[in-house]
């Protein structure tokens, strides 16, 4: 199993920050192709939640989520009340919420140093979570990270300024969500 991680709202001084953990079985290629086909179908190059904020943007966001919903993935959502010190909270979050023993790779959105990657591995080893590889990637190069971005963006938007649209999409995704935590507490 591979886990793709993205966050939303971490630099804000109010509202919420969200970290999404997307769990994928080993057949990543088929899922990647399906996400890329969805992007082509919608008429966009690459999906990023923050790129679509206008009225048309909500049409793109909703269309993307509805098209990816049937795909084979599960996810966890972790919400934090801002402001936060993201790196320390993220490290605690990893050690608390990545308890599965069959994780091969963790792919995290962003660009960090090798020292940071080694620190993440060390934190996980201390929790007896064995990982073959931790990789930092840009969501432009990973369609599954774009899926994680969509989930993080949706949940942040819903918990900050929920609308009927966000509520419907969150409810649609409920059977794919395996856990939801708020400030370290399980709320689901």
Protein backbone atom coordinates (compact mmCIF):
# COMPACT_ATOMS: atom_id res chain seq x y z
CA UNK A 1 0.00 0.00 0.00
CA UNK A 2 1.11 3.56 -0.72
CA UNK A 3 0.03 6.66 1.18
CA UNK A 4 -0.17 10.08 -0.48
CA UNK A 5 -0.24 13.10 1.83
CA UNK A 6 -1.23 16.70 1.14
CA UNK A 7 -2.26 19.62 3.32
CA UNK A 8 -4.37 22.73 2.98
CA UNK A 9 -4.47 25.97 4.96
CA UNK A 10 -1.32 25.42 7.02
CA UNK A 11 -0.02 28.98 6.75
CA UNK A 12 -3.27 30.70 7.70
CA UNK A 13 -3.77 32.49 10.99
CA UNK A 14 -7.42 31.48 11.34
CA UNK A 15 -9.81 28.78 10.18
CA UNK A 16 -8.59 25.22 9.90
CA UNK A 17 -5.69 23.33 8.42
CA UNK A 18 -6.33 19.93 6.88
CA UNK A 19 -4.02 17.02 6.16
CA UNK A 20 -5.34 14.28 3.89
CA UNK A 21 -3.90 10.77 3.78
CA UNK A 22 -4.91 8.89 0.61
CA UNK A 23 -4.40 5.11 0.72
CA UNK A 24 -3.84 3.28 -2.55
CA UNK A 25 -3.30 -0.40 -3.18
CA UNK A 26 -0.28 -1.34 -5.24
CA UNK A 27 -1.93 -0.73 -8.65
CA UNK A 28 -1.04 2.96 -8.78
CA UNK A 29 -0.71 3.15 -12.57
CA UNK A 30 -4.37 2.49 -13.31
CA UNK A 31 -5.48 5.08 -10.75
CA UNK A 32 -3.00 7.63 -12.11
CA UNK A 33 -4.35 7.11 -15.62
CA UNK A 34 -7.95 7.46 -14.46
CA UNK A 35 -7.21 10.75 -12.68
CA UNK A 36 -5.40 12.09 -15.76
CA UNK A 37 -8.33 11.03 -17.97
CA UNK A 38 -10.68 12.84 -15.58
CA UNK A 39 -8.60 16.01 -15.88
CA UNK A 40 -8.72 15.77 -19.69
CA UNK A 41 -12.47 15.11 -19.63
CA UNK A 42 -13.04 18.21 -17.49
CA UNK A 43 -10.77 20.23 -19.79
CA UNK A 44 -7.95 21.09 -17.38
CA UNK A 45 -4.24 20.31 -17.45
CA UNK A 46 -3.72 19.51 -13.77
CA UNK A 47 -6.16 19.79 -10.88
CA UNK A 48 -5.21 21.96 -7.91
CA UNK A 49 -7.91 23.04 -5.49
CA UNK A 50 -6.52 26.57 -5.13
CA UNK A 51 -6.47 27.14 -8.91
CA UNK A 52 -10.27 26.99 -9.16
CA UNK A 53 -11.91 29.58 -6.95
CA UNK A 54 -14.37 31.38 -9.20
CA UNK A 55 -17.92 30.30 -10.02
CA UNK A 56 -16.56 28.13 -12.87
CA UNK A 57 -13.99 26.89 -10.40
CA UNK A 58 -16.64 25.28 -8.23
CA UNK A 59 -18.00 23.54 -11.31
CA UNK A 60 -14.50 22.14 -11.99
CA UNK A 61 -13.98 21.16 -8.33
CA UNK A 62 -17.34 19.41 -8.08
CA UNK A 63 -16.89 17.65 -11.42
CA UNK A 64 -13.41 16.44 -10.45
CA UNK A 65 -14.57 15.02 -7.10
CA UNK A 66 -17.62 13.32 -8.62
CA UNK A 67 -15.45 11.72 -11.34
CA UNK A 68 -12.77 10.46 -8.93
CA UNK A 69 -15.27 9.22 -6.35
CA UNK A 70 -15.72 5.74 -7.94
CA UNK A 71 -11.96 5.14 -8.12
CA UNK A 72 -10.25 2.65 -5.82
CA UNK A 73 -8.91 4.61 -2.82
CA UNK A 74 -9.62 5.33 0.84
CA UNK A 75 -8.54 8.28 2.95
CA UNK A 76 -8.17 9.81 6.39
CA UNK A 77 -8.68 13.48 7.19
CA UNK A 78 -7.00 15.36 10.03
CA UNK A 79 -8.20 18.89 10.90
CA UNK A 80 -6.39 21.41 13.10
CA UNK A 81 -7.54 24.78 14.38
CA UNK A 82 -5.21 27.54 13.11
CA UNK A 83 -2.74 28.95 13.84
CA UNK A 84 -0.48 25.91 14.06
CA UNK A 85 3.21 25.09 13.95
CA UNK A 86 2.81 22.74 11.04
CA UNK A 87 6.04 20.74 11.07
CA UNK A 88 5.81 19.69 14.71
CA UNK A 89 2.09 18.88 14.41
CA UNK A 90 2.69 17.02 11.14
CA UNK A 91 5.33 14.82 12.75
CA UNK A 92 2.96 13.97 15.63
CA UNK A 93 0.18 13.33 13.13
CA UNK A 94 2.32 10.88 11.18
CA UNK A 95 3.27 8.92 14.25
CA UNK A 96 -0.33 8.80 15.51
CA UNK A 97 -2.23 8.08 12.32
CA UNK A 98 0.06 5.92 10.20
CA UNK A 99 -0.24 2.68 12.15
CA UNK A 100 -0.70 0.27 9.23
CA UNK A 101 2.06 -2.28 8.77
CA UNK A 102 1.69 -2.85 5.04
CA UNK A 103 2.76 0.62 3.84
CA UNK A 104 5.47 0.50 1.18
CA UNK A 105 5.83 4.16 0.21
CA UNK A 106 4.74 7.48 1.64
CA UNK A 107 4.57 10.27 -0.92
CA UNK A 108 4.32 13.78 0.57
CA UNK A 109 3.44 16.87 -1.42
CA UNK A 110 6.18 19.47 -1.32
CA UNK A 111 9.90 19.89 -1.55
CA UNK A 112 11.91 19.13 1.55
CA UNK A 113 15.51 18.17 2.23
CA UNK A 114 16.86 14.64 2.61
CA UNK A 115 17.35 15.45 6.29
CA UNK A 116 13.61 16.05 6.64
CA UNK A 117 12.82 12.77 4.88
CA UNK A 118 15.22 10.91 7.23
CA UNK A 119 13.52 12.57 10.21
CA UNK A 120 10.10 11.36 9.01
CA UNK A 121 11.45 7.82 8.60
CA UNK A 122 12.95 7.94 12.08
CA UNK A 123 9.66 9.09 13.62
CA UNK A 124 7.82 6.24 11.92
CA UNK A 125 10.43 3.65 12.94
CA UNK A 126 10.05 4.77 16.55
CA UNK A 127 6.35 3.90 16.22
CA UNK A 128 7.21 0.49 14.69
CA UNK A 129 5.89 1.50 11.29
CA UNK A 130 8.10 -0.02 8.62
CA UNK A 131 8.33 2.03 5.42
CA UNK A 132 10.42 1.16 2.39
CA UNK A 133 10.56 4.70 1.12
CA UNK A 134 9.46 8.25 1.96
CA UNK A 135 9.38 10.54 -1.08
CA UNK A 136 8.74 14.26 -1.46
CA UNK A 137 6.99 15.12 -4.75
CA UNK A 138 5.26 18.01 -6.41
CA UNK A 139 1.57 17.51 -7.15
CA UNK A 140 2.25 18.53 -10.76
CA UNK A 141 4.19 15.30 -11.20
CA UNK A 142 1.81 13.04 -9.27
CA UNK A 143 -1.85 12.74 -10.16
CA UNK A 144 -2.59 10.90 -6.91
CA UNK A 145 -1.18 13.85 -4.94
CA UNK A 146 -3.70 15.96 -6.85
CA UNK A 147 -6.41 13.65 -5.51
CA UNK A 148 -5.06 14.22 -1.98
CA UNK A 149 -5.03 17.98 -2.71
CA UNK A 150 -8.70 17.85 -3.77
CA UNK A 151 -9.69 16.09 -0.55
CA UNK A 152 -7.70 18.44 1.68
CA UNK A 153 -9.12 21.47 -0.13
CA UNK A 154 -12.70 20.20 0.04
CA UNK A 155 -12.58 19.43 3.75
CA UNK A 156 -10.87 22.72 4.62
CA UNK A 157 -13.45 24.61 2.58
CA UNK A 158 -16.28 22.66 4.19
CA UNK A 159 -15.12 23.19 7.77
CA UNK A 160 -14.26 26.87 7.27
CA UNK A 161 -17.19 28.08 5.16
CA UNK A 162 -19.41 25.10 4.51
CA UNK A 163 -22.03 25.37 1.80
CA UNK A 164 -24.64 23.03 0.46
CA UNK A 165 -22.17 22.02 -2.29
CA UNK A 166 -19.38 21.15 0.14
CA UNK A 167 -21.80 19.27 2.40
CA UNK A 168 -23.06 17.14 -0.51
CA UNK A 169 -19.51 16.33 -1.67
CA UNK A 170 -18.32 15.49 1.86
CA UNK A 171 -21.33 13.20 2.35
CA UNK A 172 -20.65 11.58 -1.04
CA UNK A 173 -17.13 10.70 0.11
CA UNK A 174 -18.12 9.36 3.55
CA UNK A 175 -17.85 5.69 2.57
CA UNK A 176 -14.27 6.24 1.33
CA UNK A 177 -13.20 7.97 4.55
CA UNK A 178 -11.76 5.56 7.13
CA UNK A 179 -11.15 8.13 9.88
CA UNK A 180 -11.49 11.81 10.70
CA UNK A 181 -9.64 13.58 13.48
CA UNK A 182 -9.94 17.11 14.85
CA UNK A 183 -6.99 18.48 16.82
CA UNK A 184 -5.81 14.91 17.50
CA UNK A 185 -9.21 13.56 18.56
CA UNK A 186 -11.17 11.00 16.53
CA UNK A 187 -14.45 12.63 15.47
CA UNK A 188 -15.77 9.87 13.26
